[in-house]
Protein backbone atom coordinates (compact mmCIF):
# COMPACT_ATOMS: atom_id res chain seq x y z
CA ILE A 1 -54.91 -49.07 -5.60
CA THR A 2 -53.30 -51.14 -2.89
CA LYS A 3 -54.53 -54.70 -2.54
CA VAL A 4 -55.47 -55.46 1.05
CA PRO A 5 -56.24 -58.70 2.89
CA PRO A 6 -59.60 -59.37 4.54
CA MET A 7 -60.04 -57.78 7.95
CA PRO A 8 -59.88 -60.28 10.82
CA GLN A 9 -63.21 -61.14 12.40
CA ALA A 10 -63.93 -59.38 15.66
CA PRO A 11 -64.98 -61.33 18.75
CA LYS A 12 -68.66 -62.16 19.05
CA ASN A 13 -71.04 -60.22 21.23
CA ASP A 14 -70.53 -62.71 24.05
CA GLY A 15 -67.33 -60.97 25.08
CA CYS A 16 -68.78 -57.47 25.03
CA LYS A 17 -70.33 -55.89 28.07
CA ASN A 18 -72.03 -52.57 27.77
CA GLU A 19 -72.52 -50.97 31.15
CA GLN A 20 -74.08 -47.75 29.90
CA LYS A 21 -77.42 -47.01 31.52
CA SER A 22 -78.56 -44.36 29.04
CA LEU A 23 -80.18 -45.11 25.70
CA VAL A 24 -77.78 -46.94 23.40
CA PHE A 25 -78.28 -47.27 19.67
CA ASP A 26 -77.23 -50.86 19.05
CA ALA A 27 -78.67 -52.10 15.76
CA SER A 28 -77.91 -55.74 16.64
CA VAL A 29 -80.32 -55.42 19.58
CA LEU A 30 -82.90 -53.04 18.15
CA ARG A 31 -83.48 -55.14 15.05
CA HIS A 32 -85.18 -57.77 17.25
CA GLU A 33 -87.68 -55.29 18.70
CA SER A 34 -91.14 -54.86 17.18
CA ASP A 35 -91.13 -51.10 17.75
CA ILE A 36 -88.48 -48.42 17.80
CA PRO A 37 -87.69 -46.32 20.90
CA THR A 38 -89.79 -43.15 21.12
CA GLN A 39 -86.65 -41.02 21.00
CA PHE A 40 -86.27 -41.97 17.32
CA ILE A 41 -89.83 -41.03 16.33
CA TRP A 42 -90.08 -37.70 14.52
CA PRO A 43 -93.05 -35.28 14.64
CA ASP A 44 -95.75 -35.84 12.04
CA HIS A 45 -94.84 -32.73 10.03
CA GLU A 46 -91.21 -33.91 9.75
CA LYS A 47 -91.78 -37.59 9.09
CA PRO A 48 -90.65 -39.08 5.77
CA LEU A 49 -92.80 -38.44 2.73
CA VAL A 50 -93.61 -41.05 0.13
CA ASN A 51 -93.10 -40.71 -3.63
CA THR A 52 -91.33 -37.36 -3.63
CA ARG A 53 -90.61 -35.87 -7.04
CA ALA A 54 -87.12 -36.34 -8.45
CA LEU A 55 -84.82 -33.33 -8.44
CA ASP A 56 -83.48 -32.23 -11.80
CA VAL A 57 -79.79 -32.78 -11.10
CA PRO A 58 -77.34 -32.32 -14.00
CA LEU A 59 -75.05 -35.21 -14.86
CA VAL A 60 -71.61 -33.72 -15.42
CA ASP A 61 -69.25 -35.87 -17.51
CA LEU A 62 -65.68 -35.20 -16.35
CA GLY A 63 -64.02 -37.47 -18.93
CA GLY A 64 -63.21 -34.75 -21.45
CA PHE A 65 -62.31 -32.26 -18.75
CA LEU A 66 -59.81 -34.67 -17.17
CA SER A 67 -58.27 -35.48 -20.56
CA GLY A 68 -57.66 -31.80 -21.26
CA ASP A 69 -60.39 -31.11 -23.81
CA PRO A 70 -61.14 -27.35 -23.52
CA LEU A 71 -64.62 -27.64 -25.04
CA ALA A 72 -65.57 -30.44 -22.65
CA ALA A 73 -64.20 -28.41 -19.75
CA ALA A 74 -66.28 -25.40 -20.77
CA GLU A 75 -69.44 -27.50 -21.00
CA ALA A 76 -68.79 -29.14 -17.63
CA SER A 77 -68.21 -25.76 -15.97
CA ARG A 78 -71.44 -24.43 -17.51
CA LEU A 79 -73.47 -27.31 -16.07
CA VAL A 80 -71.83 -26.90 -12.67
CA GLY A 81 -72.54 -23.17 -12.65
CA GLU A 82 -76.21 -23.66 -13.55
CA ALA A 83 -76.64 -26.30 -10.83
CA CYS A 84 -75.09 -24.01 -8.23
CA GLU A 85 -77.42 -21.18 -9.17
CA LYS A 86 -80.46 -23.46 -8.78
CA HIS A 87 -79.81 -25.68 -5.75
CA GLY A 88 -76.11 -26.53 -5.38
CA PHE A 89 -76.29 -30.24 -6.26
CA PHE A 90 -74.92 -32.10 -9.29
CA LEU A 91 -73.63 -35.56 -10.21
CA VAL A 92 -70.23 -36.31 -11.72
CA VAL A 93 -69.44 -39.36 -13.86
CA ASN A 94 -66.24 -40.49 -15.58
CA HIS A 95 -64.58 -38.94 -12.57
CA GLY A 96 -61.39 -40.97 -12.61
CA VAL A 97 -62.01 -42.78 -9.32
CA ASP A 98 -61.51 -46.54 -9.69
CA SER A 99 -64.74 -48.50 -9.22
CA GLY A 100 -62.86 -51.17 -7.28
CA LEU A 101 -61.78 -48.59 -4.72
CA VAL A 102 -65.38 -47.41 -4.31
CA SER A 103 -66.53 -51.02 -3.84
CA ASP A 104 -63.83 -51.58 -1.21
CA ALA A 105 -64.95 -48.44 0.63
CA HIS A 106 -68.50 -49.82 0.87
CA ARG A 107 -67.34 -53.34 1.74
CA PHE A 108 -65.07 -52.28 4.57
CA MET A 109 -67.72 -49.92 5.87
CA ASP A 110 -70.08 -52.88 6.19
CA LEU A 111 -67.38 -54.87 7.98
CA PHE A 112 -66.86 -52.09 10.50
CA PHE A 113 -70.49 -51.35 11.29
CA GLU A 114 -71.38 -55.03 11.58
CA LEU A 115 -68.88 -55.39 14.44
CA PRO A 116 -70.18 -55.72 18.03
CA LEU A 117 -70.87 -52.36 19.59
CA CYS A 118 -68.00 -52.64 22.07
CA GLU A 119 -65.53 -53.08 19.21
CA LYS A 120 -66.81 -50.01 17.39
CA GLN A 121 -66.65 -48.05 20.62
CA LYS A 122 -62.86 -48.34 20.57
CA ALA A 123 -63.14 -45.34 18.29
CA GLN A 124 -65.88 -43.64 20.34
CA ARG A 125 -66.18 -39.94 19.57
CA LYS A 126 -65.37 -37.75 22.57
CA VAL A 127 -67.61 -34.87 23.59
CA GLY A 128 -66.78 -31.75 21.60
CA GLU A 129 -64.80 -33.60 18.92
CA HIS A 130 -65.71 -34.19 15.28
CA CYS A 131 -63.91 -37.49 14.72
CA GLY A 132 -64.65 -40.98 15.95
CA TYR A 133 -67.56 -43.41 16.16
CA ALA A 134 -71.06 -42.27 17.12
CA SER A 135 -74.16 -44.41 17.51
CA SER A 136 -76.90 -41.95 16.62
CA PHE A 137 -76.69 -38.83 18.82
CA THR A 138 -77.91 -40.47 22.02
CA GLY A 139 -75.33 -38.63 24.09
CA ARG A 140 -76.29 -35.19 22.74
CA PHE A 141 -80.06 -35.17 22.22
CA SER A 142 -83.08 -36.73 23.89
CA SER A 143 -85.56 -36.67 20.98
CA LYS A 144 -85.73 -36.71 17.17
CA LEU A 145 -82.68 -38.97 17.07
CA PRO A 146 -81.44 -40.10 13.63
CA TRP A 147 -81.48 -43.81 12.83
CA LYS A 148 -77.81 -44.11 11.97
CA GLU A 149 -74.24 -44.79 13.02
CA THR A 150 -71.25 -42.80 11.84
CA LEU A 151 -67.49 -43.06 11.79
CA SER A 152 -65.64 -39.82 11.07
CA PHE A 153 -61.94 -39.19 10.71
CA ARG A 154 -59.70 -36.39 9.55
CA TYR A 155 -57.90 -36.25 6.21
CA SER A 156 -55.18 -33.82 5.22
CA ALA A 157 -53.64 -33.23 1.79
CA GLU A 158 -50.55 -31.72 3.36
CA GLU A 159 -47.38 -33.66 2.52
CA SER A 160 -46.50 -34.03 6.21
CA SER A 161 -49.81 -35.84 6.82
CA CYS A 162 -49.73 -38.24 3.89
CA ASN A 163 -50.66 -41.28 6.04
CA ILE A 164 -53.00 -39.59 8.50
CA VAL A 165 -55.97 -41.90 7.81
CA ASP A 166 -53.92 -45.08 7.93
CA GLU A 167 -52.37 -43.96 11.22
CA TYR A 168 -55.79 -43.13 12.68
CA PHE A 169 -57.05 -46.70 12.29
CA ARG A 170 -53.84 -48.25 13.56
CA ASN A 171 -53.58 -45.97 16.59
CA THR A 172 -57.27 -45.94 17.47
CA MET A 173 -58.40 -49.50 16.79
CA GLY A 174 -55.20 -51.53 16.51
CA GLU A 175 -53.12 -53.27 13.85
CA ASP A 176 -55.97 -55.64 12.91
CA PHE A 177 -57.77 -52.66 11.40
CA SER A 178 -54.91 -51.54 9.17
CA PRO A 179 -56.75 -52.84 6.05
CA LEU A 180 -59.44 -50.21 6.70
CA GLY A 181 -56.77 -47.56 7.06
CA THR A 182 -55.25 -48.57 3.72
CA VAL A 183 -58.56 -48.46 1.85
CA TYR A 184 -59.76 -45.18 3.30
CA GLN A 185 -56.38 -43.51 2.89
CA ASP A 186 -56.57 -44.34 -0.83
CA TYR A 187 -60.22 -43.30 -0.98
CA CYS A 188 -59.54 -39.94 0.68
CA ASN A 189 -56.61 -39.31 -1.67
CA ALA A 190 -58.94 -39.96 -4.62
CA MET A 191 -61.63 -37.67 -3.21
CA SER A 192 -59.07 -34.91 -2.65
CA THR A 193 -57.97 -35.14 -6.29
CA LEU A 194 -61.59 -35.13 -7.47
CA SER A 195 -62.45 -32.14 -5.27
CA LEU A 196 -59.61 -30.09 -6.77
CA GLY A 197 -60.93 -30.83 -10.25
CA ILE A 198 -64.38 -29.67 -9.18
CA MET A 199 -62.82 -26.52 -7.74
CA GLU A 200 -61.31 -25.86 -11.17
CA LEU A 201 -64.78 -26.09 -12.73
CA LEU A 202 -66.20 -23.77 -10.09
CA GLY A 203 -63.48 -21.24 -10.81
CA MET A 204 -64.24 -21.39 -14.52
CA SER A 205 -67.99 -21.04 -13.96
CA LEU A 206 -67.41 -17.91 -11.86
CA GLY A 207 -64.96 -16.39 -14.33
CA VAL A 208 -61.99 -16.26 -11.96
CA GLY A 209 -59.87 -18.88 -13.74
CA ARG A 210 -59.59 -22.62 -13.21
CA ALA A 211 -56.53 -22.35 -10.95
CA HIS A 212 -58.05 -19.83 -8.51
CA TYR A 213 -59.80 -22.23 -6.12
CA LYS A 214 -57.63 -25.24 -6.90
CA GLU A 215 -54.54 -23.48 -5.57
CA PHE A 216 -56.40 -22.27 -2.48
CA PHE A 217 -57.64 -25.79 -1.58
CA GLU A 218 -54.57 -27.81 -2.61
CA GLU A 219 -53.53 -28.53 0.99
CA ASN A 220 -57.08 -29.06 2.14
CA ASN A 221 -58.19 -30.51 5.45
CA SER A 222 -61.35 -32.59 5.27
CA ILE A 223 -63.55 -34.87 7.32
CA MET A 224 -64.29 -38.30 5.89
CA ARG A 225 -67.57 -39.63 7.25
CA LEU A 226 -69.02 -43.10 6.88
CA ASN A 227 -72.80 -42.93 7.38
CA TYR A 228 -74.49 -46.26 8.06
CA TYR A 229 -78.28 -46.62 8.26
CA PRO A 230 -79.23 -50.05 9.64
CA PRO A 231 -82.53 -51.67 8.58
CA CYS A 232 -85.44 -50.14 10.47
CA GLN A 233 -88.70 -51.90 11.25
CA LYS A 234 -90.62 -48.59 11.26
CA PRO A 235 -88.96 -46.46 8.55
CA ASP A 236 -92.09 -44.31 8.20
CA LEU A 237 -91.56 -42.92 11.71
CA THR A 238 -87.92 -41.89 11.67
CA LEU A 239 -85.17 -40.29 9.58
CA GLY A 240 -81.67 -41.51 8.85
CA THR A 241 -80.40 -37.94 8.93
CA GLY A 242 -82.51 -34.91 9.82
CA PRO A 243 -82.77 -31.72 7.72
CA HIS A 244 -79.48 -29.81 7.73
CA CYS A 245 -77.10 -27.67 5.70
CA ASP A 246 -73.47 -28.57 5.11
CA PRO A 247 -71.24 -25.83 6.61
CA THR A 248 -68.22 -26.91 4.59
CA SER A 249 -67.00 -25.73 1.17
CA LEU A 250 -67.71 -28.96 -0.69
CA THR A 251 -69.30 -32.33 0.01
CA ILE A 252 -68.74 -35.37 -2.20
CA LEU A 253 -70.73 -38.50 -1.43
CA HIS A 254 -71.39 -41.87 -2.94
CA GLN A 255 -74.82 -43.43 -2.49
CA ASP A 256 -75.63 -47.09 -2.23
CA THR A 257 -78.61 -48.60 -4.06
CA VAL A 258 -81.25 -47.93 -1.39
CA GLY A 259 -81.85 -44.23 -1.95
CA GLY A 260 -83.37 -41.71 0.43
CA LEU A 261 -81.37 -38.54 -0.25
CA GLU A 262 -83.69 -35.52 -0.51
CA VAL A 263 -83.07 -31.82 -1.12
CA PHE A 264 -85.39 -28.97 -0.11
CA VAL A 265 -85.99 -26.88 -3.24
CA ASP A 266 -88.81 -24.41 -3.97
CA ASN A 267 -90.56 -25.23 -0.68
CA GLU A 268 -90.71 -28.97 -1.23
CA TRP A 269 -88.52 -32.02 -0.70
CA ARG A 270 -87.13 -33.52 -3.91
CA SER A 271 -85.26 -36.82 -4.21
CA ILE A 272 -81.92 -37.69 -5.82
CA SER A 273 -81.91 -41.24 -7.14
CA PRO A 274 -78.83 -43.42 -6.59
CA ASN A 275 -76.32 -43.77 -9.41
CA LEU A 276 -73.51 -46.18 -8.61
CA ASN A 277 -71.31 -44.72 -11.34
CA ALA A 278 -71.63 -41.17 -10.04
CA PHE A 279 -70.70 -39.05 -7.05
CA VAL A 280 -73.17 -36.53 -5.67
CA VAL A 281 -71.57 -33.11 -5.18
CA ASN A 282 -73.04 -30.46 -2.88
CA ILE A 283 -71.70 -26.92 -2.66
CA GLY A 284 -71.47 -26.09 1.05
CA ASP A 285 -72.39 -22.92 2.91
CA THR A 286 -68.79 -21.75 3.32
CA PHE A 287 -68.20 -21.63 -0.43
CA MET A 288 -71.58 -20.05 -1.15
CA VAL A 289 -71.12 -17.30 1.41
CA CYS A 290 -67.78 -16.32 -0.10
CA ASP A 291 -68.75 -16.36 -3.74
CA ALA A 292 -71.43 -15.72 -6.34
CA PHE A 293 -73.75 -18.45 -5.07
CA SER A 294 -74.23 -16.74 -1.69
CA SER A 295 -77.99 -16.41 -2.05
CA LEU A 296 -78.45 -20.15 -2.12
CA PHE A 297 -78.36 -22.49 0.88
CA SER A 298 -79.18 -26.14 0.21
CA ILE A 299 -80.94 -28.12 2.91
CA TYR A 300 -81.09 -31.88 2.67
CA LYS A 301 -81.94 -34.97 4.70
CA ILE A 302 -81.88 -38.75 4.48
CA ARG A 303 -85.39 -40.12 4.31
CA PHE A 304 -84.93 -43.88 4.68
CA PRO A 305 -82.11 -45.89 6.25
CA MET A 306 -79.24 -46.34 3.80
CA LYS A 307 -75.46 -46.31 3.88
CA TRP A 308 -72.69 -44.58 2.00
CA PRO A 309 -69.16 -43.30 2.43
CA CYS A 310 -68.87 -39.61 1.87
CA ILE A 311 -66.24 -36.95 2.21
């Protein structure tokens, strides 16, 4: 893990002028309001529930698998296979990702999203693109807006793109943001390695061999997304992220301590409690359509404002 210096402080709000006339999701302004804009209020039947039951999510220990223990690998693949047949979610611990790197990913995410809006808008996502900064979806929808900000950027495991994340931050936001590029380049590399290990377990659980999917996804292209859910004065009226399915092959995310992740299983929403030592893994629609888990599509949402980096 590369040691990085603190990121320089951005200029205060005084130097930022926002000339947009449409609704703007600026948490530094909205936090001083007693109510939230009506565009963020969800219909009664979709509003957050209280005290949802916990989802039975298996905790998969990757320690033995990563050390080459065949029995541990077989047990891990069994747990993964059972989870995929039920709902597509499981947790992985002893995953080999350094805890300091995970802490840095959260810390630098806070630093970015606490910047003045005009600084974050240097990376503003363009219409039709998947990468960049977005403050809610105010430019796309007029109602049922999520209470969140995101920063998304592309990652590639191809050798020719070994510094793609680092270059994104330098080119998009300037040299002062190179510490973010360093941290998230390392984080994405770690997530790519972890994802290939999970693909080995998926291959074993489906009986096609542990190398089958690993070889296919070795030069993967992914989207790293930082989801940030600012404090909300009316959390019972809105959602951080609305109900949705992941269209990708695999999602790996790390929760903070707030909680709010829910999965729709057996006609009810069930919660997944935070575990700082674990990553939440979700099998996406693309993988399920192609393989034995095709009958299962997991839908999930974020109930209360929270924040996490996920890939």
